[in-house]
Amino acid sequence: MNPQLKYTKLWLALGALLIALIWYLSLTPEPLDTGIDNGDKAGHFLAYGLLMGWFAQIYIQLKPRLVLMLAFILMGVLLEVLQSMTAVRTYSHADMVANTTGVFIGLLLSQGPMARLLQRLEQRFVKG
């Protein structure tokens, strides 16, 4: 865990909400329409990138990050399989590629620009 963070439980709870939102949006019978051809791929990429980047700020050691990376990739695959079992959603290799690419980019960004985003939020908005 990141010893610099004071509100780890809050960040973990918000991360859990992000996971729940991804599950909901992936399995809802009426997915969001971006109005862009293949715009859902950008949504997959951004959601999984944010997810990995979020948790990579909390778990800063390599082993937990690798476990999270694998877990999020497998979650994306599982959600696609579950979509194939519904009457209104479809299985898509392209969605899995977008999810996985998002996970990798989120992990890379957590080494640079996003590395201290949660820490900066704490410093800016919390006194004491």
Protein backbone atom coordinates (compact mmCIF):
# COMPACT_ATOMS: atom_id res chain seq x y z
CA MET A 1 0.00 0.00 0.00
CA ASN A 2 1.02 3.58 -0.53
CA PRO A 3 2.20 4.93 2.85
CA GLN A 4 1.80 8.51 1.58
CA LEU A 5 -1.99 8.19 1.38
CA LYS A 6 -3.98 9.12 4.49
CA TYR A 7 -7.41 8.02 3.25
CA THR A 8 -6.67 4.63 1.73
CA LYS A 9 -10.05 3.21 2.80
CA LEU A 10 -11.86 6.03 0.98
CA TRP A 11 -9.81 5.49 -2.19
CA LEU A 12 -10.44 1.73 -2.03
CA ALA A 13 -14.18 2.29 -1.57
CA LEU A 14 -14.29 4.64 -4.57
CA GLY A 15 -12.30 2.09 -6.56
CA ALA A 16 -14.83 -0.59 -5.62
CA LEU A 17 -17.59 1.71 -6.89
CA LEU A 18 -15.69 2.07 -10.15
CA ILE A 19 -15.54 -1.71 -10.47
CA ALA A 20 -19.27 -1.96 -9.74
CA LEU A 21 -19.98 0.72 -12.36
CA ILE A 22 -17.97 -1.20 -14.97
CA TRP A 23 -19.92 -4.38 -14.15
CA TYR A 24 -23.23 -2.52 -14.40
CA LEU A 25 -22.38 -0.80 -17.68
CA SER A 26 -21.07 -4.06 -19.12
CA LEU A 27 -24.17 -6.06 -18.28
CA THR A 28 -27.00 -3.55 -18.54
CA PRO A 29 -29.43 -4.39 -21.36
CA GLU A 30 -29.26 -0.77 -22.56
CA PRO A 31 -25.57 0.19 -22.95
CA LEU A 32 -24.53 3.81 -23.32
CA ASP A 33 -24.53 5.11 -26.89
CA THR A 34 -21.56 7.38 -27.53
CA GLY A 35 -22.85 8.39 -30.94
CA ILE A 36 -19.45 7.52 -32.40
CA ASP A 37 -18.71 4.49 -34.57
CA ASN A 38 -17.02 1.95 -32.28
CA GLY A 39 -17.12 4.57 -29.51
CA ASP A 40 -17.68 1.81 -27.00
CA LYS A 41 -14.06 0.74 -27.58
CA ALA A 42 -12.88 4.13 -26.33
CA GLY A 43 -15.15 3.69 -23.32
CA HIS A 44 -13.66 0.28 -22.59
CA PHE A 45 -10.13 1.65 -22.95
CA LEU A 46 -10.81 4.65 -20.68
CA ALA A 47 -12.68 2.67 -18.02
CA TYR A 48 -10.01 0.00 -17.65
CA GLY A 49 -7.20 2.56 -17.87
CA LEU A 50 -8.79 4.59 -15.09
CA LEU A 51 -9.38 1.45 -13.05
CA MET A 52 -5.76 0.28 -13.27
CA GLY A 53 -4.37 3.77 -12.78
CA TRP A 54 -6.57 4.27 -9.71
CA PHE A 55 -5.52 1.07 -7.95
CA ALA A 56 -1.87 1.42 -9.01
CA GLN A 57 -1.70 4.60 -6.92
CA ILE A 58 -2.89 2.71 -3.86
CA TYR A 59 -0.83 -0.45 -4.41
CA ILE A 60 2.59 0.83 -5.33
CA GLN A 61 4.60 -2.41 -5.07
CA LEU A 62 5.16 -4.49 -8.20
CA LYS A 63 3.56 -7.78 -7.07
CA PRO A 64 0.15 -6.30 -6.11
CA ARG A 65 0.13 -4.28 -9.32
CA LEU A 66 0.75 -7.39 -11.41
CA VAL A 67 -2.01 -9.24 -9.56
CA LEU A 68 -4.40 -6.32 -10.15
CA MET A 69 -3.40 -6.13 -13.80
CA LEU A 70 -4.17 -9.81 -14.30
CA ALA A 71 -7.41 -9.55 -12.30
CA PHE A 72 -8.69 -6.60 -14.36
CA ILE A 73 -7.82 -8.30 -17.65
CA LEU A 74 -9.61 -11.46 -16.51
CA MET A 75 -12.56 -9.35 -15.35
CA GLY A 76 -12.85 -7.90 -18.85
CA VAL A 77 -12.78 -11.38 -20.38
CA LEU A 78 -15.36 -12.67 -17.90
CA LEU A 79 -17.69 -9.75 -18.59
CA GLU A 80 -17.49 -10.46 -22.33
CA VAL A 81 -18.34 -14.11 -21.71
CA LEU A 82 -21.27 -13.06 -19.52
CA GLN A 83 -22.44 -10.66 -22.24
CA SER A 84 -22.52 -13.55 -24.69
CA MET A 85 -25.00 -15.29 -22.39
CA THR A 86 -27.51 -12.45 -22.59
CA ALA A 87 -30.09 -11.87 -25.28
CA VAL A 88 -29.10 -8.25 -25.92
CA ARG A 89 -25.31 -8.04 -25.47
CA THR A 90 -22.59 -9.65 -27.56
CA TYR A 91 -19.14 -11.15 -27.04
CA SER A 92 -16.39 -9.01 -28.59
CA HIS A 93 -12.68 -9.69 -28.96
CA ALA A 94 -12.22 -6.00 -29.79
CA ASP A 95 -13.70 -5.03 -26.42
CA MET A 96 -11.25 -7.37 -24.67
CA VAL A 97 -8.37 -5.79 -26.58
CA ALA A 98 -9.57 -2.31 -25.59
CA ASN A 99 -9.91 -3.40 -21.95
CA THR A 100 -6.44 -4.96 -21.87
CA THR A 101 -4.85 -1.99 -23.63
CA GLY A 102 -6.49 0.32 -21.10
CA VAL A 103 -5.09 -1.74 -18.23
CA PHE A 104 -1.55 -1.54 -19.65
CA ILE A 105 -1.77 2.19 -20.38
CA GLY A 106 -3.22 2.84 -16.90
CA LEU A 107 -0.30 0.98 -15.38
CA LEU A 108 2.20 2.93 -17.49
CA LEU A 109 0.60 6.27 -16.63
CA SER A 110 0.69 5.37 -12.95
CA GLN A 111 4.48 5.49 -13.28
CA GLY A 112 4.38 9.05 -14.59
CA PRO A 113 1.62 11.67 -14.81
CA MET A 114 -0.90 9.82 -12.64
CA ALA A 115 1.57 8.58 -10.03
CA ARG A 116 0.51 10.98 -7.27
CA LEU A 117 -2.98 12.08 -8.28
CA LEU A 118 -4.70 10.74 -5.15
CA GLN A 119 -1.93 12.12 -2.96
CA ARG A 120 -2.36 15.56 -4.57
CA LEU A 121 -6.10 15.41 -4.02
CA GLU A 122 -5.52 14.73 -0.34
CA GLN A 123 -3.06 17.60 -0.04
CA ARG A 124 -5.34 20.02 -1.85
CA PHE A 125 -8.67 19.28 -0.22
CA VAL A 126 -7.85 17.95 3.25
CA LYS A 127 -6.47 20.18 5.96
CA GLY A 128 -4.31 18.72 8.66
